[in-house]
Amino acid sequence: MSGAGGAAKAGIGLGSALAVTISWSVNKSILWAILHGVFSWFYVVYFALTRPGGLAG
């Protein structure tokens, strides 16, 4: 796979990228974005479950 993308080569997973994007759009804080990026899919699922109109209803 010589054509892999830059993010994949850097070891950034889809969950981390999604968590950072969601966190930035909600909080506008780089510190929160980094923290949520570490939690990755856990934050994404938490966000989906607690957001009005999300997975929980």
Protein backbone atom coordinates (compact mmCIF):
# COMPACT_ATOMS: atom_id res chain seq x y z
CA MET A 1 0.00 0.00 0.00
CA SER A 2 2.28 2.74 -1.14
CA GLY A 3 -0.64 5.11 -1.76
CA ALA A 4 -1.81 5.34 1.86
CA GLY A 5 -3.01 8.77 3.01
CA GLY A 6 -1.11 11.09 5.32
CA ALA A 7 -3.47 10.66 8.26
CA ALA A 8 -3.28 6.88 8.06
CA LYS A 9 0.51 7.01 7.97
CA ALA A 10 0.50 9.25 11.03
CA GLY A 11 -1.59 6.69 12.92
CA ILE A 12 -4.72 8.82 13.22
CA GLY A 13 -7.76 6.59 13.13
CA LEU A 14 -11.21 7.42 11.86
CA GLY A 15 -12.61 7.49 15.42
CA SER A 16 -10.00 9.99 16.58
CA ALA A 17 -10.49 12.24 13.57
CA LEU A 18 -14.26 12.14 14.03
CA ALA A 19 -14.01 12.81 17.78
CA VAL A 20 -11.70 15.80 17.24
CA THR A 21 -14.01 17.22 14.57
CA ILE A 22 -17.13 16.83 16.73
CA SER A 23 -15.36 18.25 19.77
CA TRP A 24 -14.07 21.27 17.87
CA SER A 25 -17.51 22.02 16.40
CA VAL A 26 -19.11 21.90 19.86
CA ASN A 27 -16.45 23.43 22.14
CA LYS A 28 -14.07 25.44 19.91
CA SER A 29 -11.21 24.40 22.21
CA ILE A 30 -8.04 22.66 21.06
CA LEU A 31 -7.49 21.15 24.53
CA TRP A 32 -10.92 19.52 24.56
CA ALA A 33 -10.40 18.37 20.97
CA ILE A 34 -7.12 16.66 21.90
CA LEU A 35 -8.67 15.02 24.95
CA HIS A 36 -11.65 13.76 22.98
CA GLY A 37 -9.32 12.54 20.24
CA VAL A 38 -7.61 10.34 22.82
CA PHE A 39 -10.96 8.86 23.83
CA SER A 40 -11.77 8.32 20.14
CA TRP A 41 -14.85 6.13 19.56
CA PHE A 42 -15.93 6.37 23.21
CA TYR A 43 -16.55 10.10 22.75
CA VAL A 44 -18.24 9.59 19.38
CA VAL A 45 -20.69 7.07 20.86
CA TYR A 46 -21.26 9.27 23.94
CA PHE A 47 -21.98 12.25 21.68
CA ALA A 48 -24.42 10.22 19.57
CA LEU A 49 -26.28 8.94 22.63
CA THR A 50 -26.55 12.24 24.49
CA ARG A 51 -27.27 14.60 21.59
CA PRO A 52 -30.95 15.54 21.10
CA GLY A 53 -32.17 13.69 18.04
CA GLY A 54 -29.23 11.28 18.25
CA LEU A 55 -29.34 7.51 18.58
CA ALA A 56 -31.27 7.58 21.85
CA GLY A 57 -34.10 9.56 20.43
